[in-house]
Amino acid sequence: MLRYLSDPALRRRVTAATNKTEAFNGFSQWIGFGNRGVIADNDPVEQEKAMKFNALLTNAVIFHNAPDIAEIVRQLLEEGWTIEPEDLARILRT
């Protein structure tokens, strides 16, 4: 705890990791469907299946976006646009 409090670089890394996790969870909740994302079953096995399916679906949507972004970048480059590495880095951070 003292290291965390005294090390600004460590705090930035922890905050960045926490923000990514929260963003994933928010997106996962948005993706969730059926009963508004509420798991109505009291069976722990069924609850775990529902959560894993939702995480799988969320990851599939994120993965699907990667080739879509790559294709758009390729098209823009073909049209003569200049795309700076900082621009791509910004897309990947969000």
Protein backbone atom coordinates (compact mmCIF):
# COMPACT_ATOMS: atom_id res chain seq x y z
CA MET A 1 0.00 0.00 0.00
CA LEU A 2 2.83 2.37 0.86
CA ARG A 3 4.49 1.64 -2.48
CA TYR A 4 1.24 2.43 -4.29
CA LEU A 5 0.86 5.71 -2.40
CA SER A 6 4.45 6.79 -2.97
CA ASP A 7 4.87 5.70 -6.61
CA PRO A 8 2.98 7.88 -9.15
CA ALA A 9 3.97 5.59 -12.07
CA LEU A 10 2.52 2.58 -10.28
CA ARG A 11 -0.70 4.48 -9.57
CA ARG A 12 -0.99 5.41 -13.27
CA ARG A 13 -0.53 1.75 -14.31
CA VAL A 14 -3.09 0.52 -11.78
CA THR A 15 -5.56 3.24 -12.81
CA ALA A 16 -5.09 2.43 -16.52
CA ALA A 17 -5.68 -1.29 -15.88
CA THR A 18 -8.72 -0.54 -13.73
CA ASN A 19 -10.17 1.75 -16.41
CA LYS A 20 -9.75 -0.94 -19.08
CA THR A 21 -11.49 -3.48 -16.87
CA GLU A 22 -14.34 -1.09 -16.11
CA ALA A 23 -14.69 -0.26 -19.81
CA PHE A 24 -14.85 -3.97 -20.67
CA ASN A 25 -17.45 -4.57 -17.95
CA GLY A 26 -19.55 -1.63 -19.12
CA PHE A 27 -19.40 -2.83 -22.72
CA SER A 28 -20.21 -6.37 -21.59
CA GLN A 29 -23.24 -5.09 -19.71
CA TRP A 30 -24.34 -3.12 -22.79
CA ILE A 31 -23.91 -6.23 -24.97
CA GLY A 32 -25.91 -8.38 -22.56
CA PHE A 33 -29.34 -9.28 -23.78
CA GLY A 34 -32.23 -11.35 -22.59
CA ASN A 35 -33.91 -10.31 -19.37
CA ARG A 36 -31.90 -7.04 -19.45
CA GLY A 37 -28.77 -8.89 -18.41
CA VAL A 38 -30.33 -10.16 -15.18
CA ILE A 39 -29.47 -13.78 -14.43
CA ALA A 40 -32.73 -15.13 -13.08
CA ASP A 41 -31.47 -18.66 -12.41
CA ASN A 42 -30.29 -19.47 -8.88
CA ASP A 43 -28.20 -22.41 -10.10
CA PRO A 44 -24.52 -21.42 -9.81
CA VAL A 45 -23.62 -23.54 -12.83
CA GLU A 46 -26.21 -21.78 -14.99
CA GLN A 47 -25.11 -18.38 -13.65
CA GLU A 48 -21.51 -19.15 -14.55
CA LYS A 49 -22.55 -20.27 -18.04
CA ALA A 50 -24.49 -17.06 -18.59
CA MET A 51 -21.55 -14.93 -17.45
CA LYS A 52 -19.06 -16.84 -19.59
CA PHE A 53 -21.33 -16.63 -22.63
CA ASN A 54 -21.65 -12.89 -22.16
CA ALA A 55 -17.85 -12.51 -21.84
CA LEU A 56 -17.39 -14.65 -24.96
CA LEU A 57 -19.89 -12.55 -26.89
CA THR A 58 -18.22 -9.33 -25.72
CA ASN A 59 -14.78 -10.59 -26.77
CA ALA A 60 -16.14 -11.70 -30.15
CA VAL A 61 -17.55 -8.22 -30.83
CA ILE A 62 -14.26 -6.59 -29.80
CA PHE A 63 -12.31 -9.03 -31.98
CA HIS A 64 -14.64 -8.39 -34.92
CA ASN A 65 -13.96 -4.65 -34.70
CA ALA A 66 -10.20 -5.14 -35.23
CA PRO A 67 -10.40 -6.24 -38.89
CA ASP A 68 -13.11 -3.64 -39.54
CA ILE A 69 -10.82 -0.87 -38.29
CA ALA A 70 -7.90 -2.30 -40.29
CA GLU A 71 -10.01 -2.31 -43.46
CA ILE A 72 -11.11 1.28 -42.97
CA VAL A 73 -7.50 2.37 -42.38
CA ARG A 74 -6.44 0.51 -45.54
CA GLN A 75 -9.17 2.25 -47.56
CA LEU A 76 -8.21 5.66 -46.21
CA LEU A 77 -4.55 5.07 -47.09
CA GLU A 78 -5.56 4.02 -50.62
CA GLU A 79 -7.54 7.26 -50.96
CA GLY A 80 -4.41 9.22 -50.09
CA TRP A 81 -5.11 10.07 -46.48
CA THR A 82 -2.17 10.34 -44.13
CA ILE A 83 -2.68 8.42 -40.94
CA GLU A 84 -0.31 9.17 -38.12
CA PRO A 85 0.67 6.50 -35.58
CA GLU A 86 -0.76 8.74 -32.86
CA ASP A 87 -4.16 8.57 -34.57
CA LEU A 88 -4.14 4.77 -34.52
CA ALA A 89 -2.92 4.75 -30.94
CA ARG A 90 -5.87 6.95 -29.98
CA ILE A 91 -8.31 4.54 -31.62
CA LEU A 92 -6.78 1.61 -29.80
CA ARG A 93 -6.90 3.34 -26.41
CA THR A 94 -10.62 4.01 -26.59
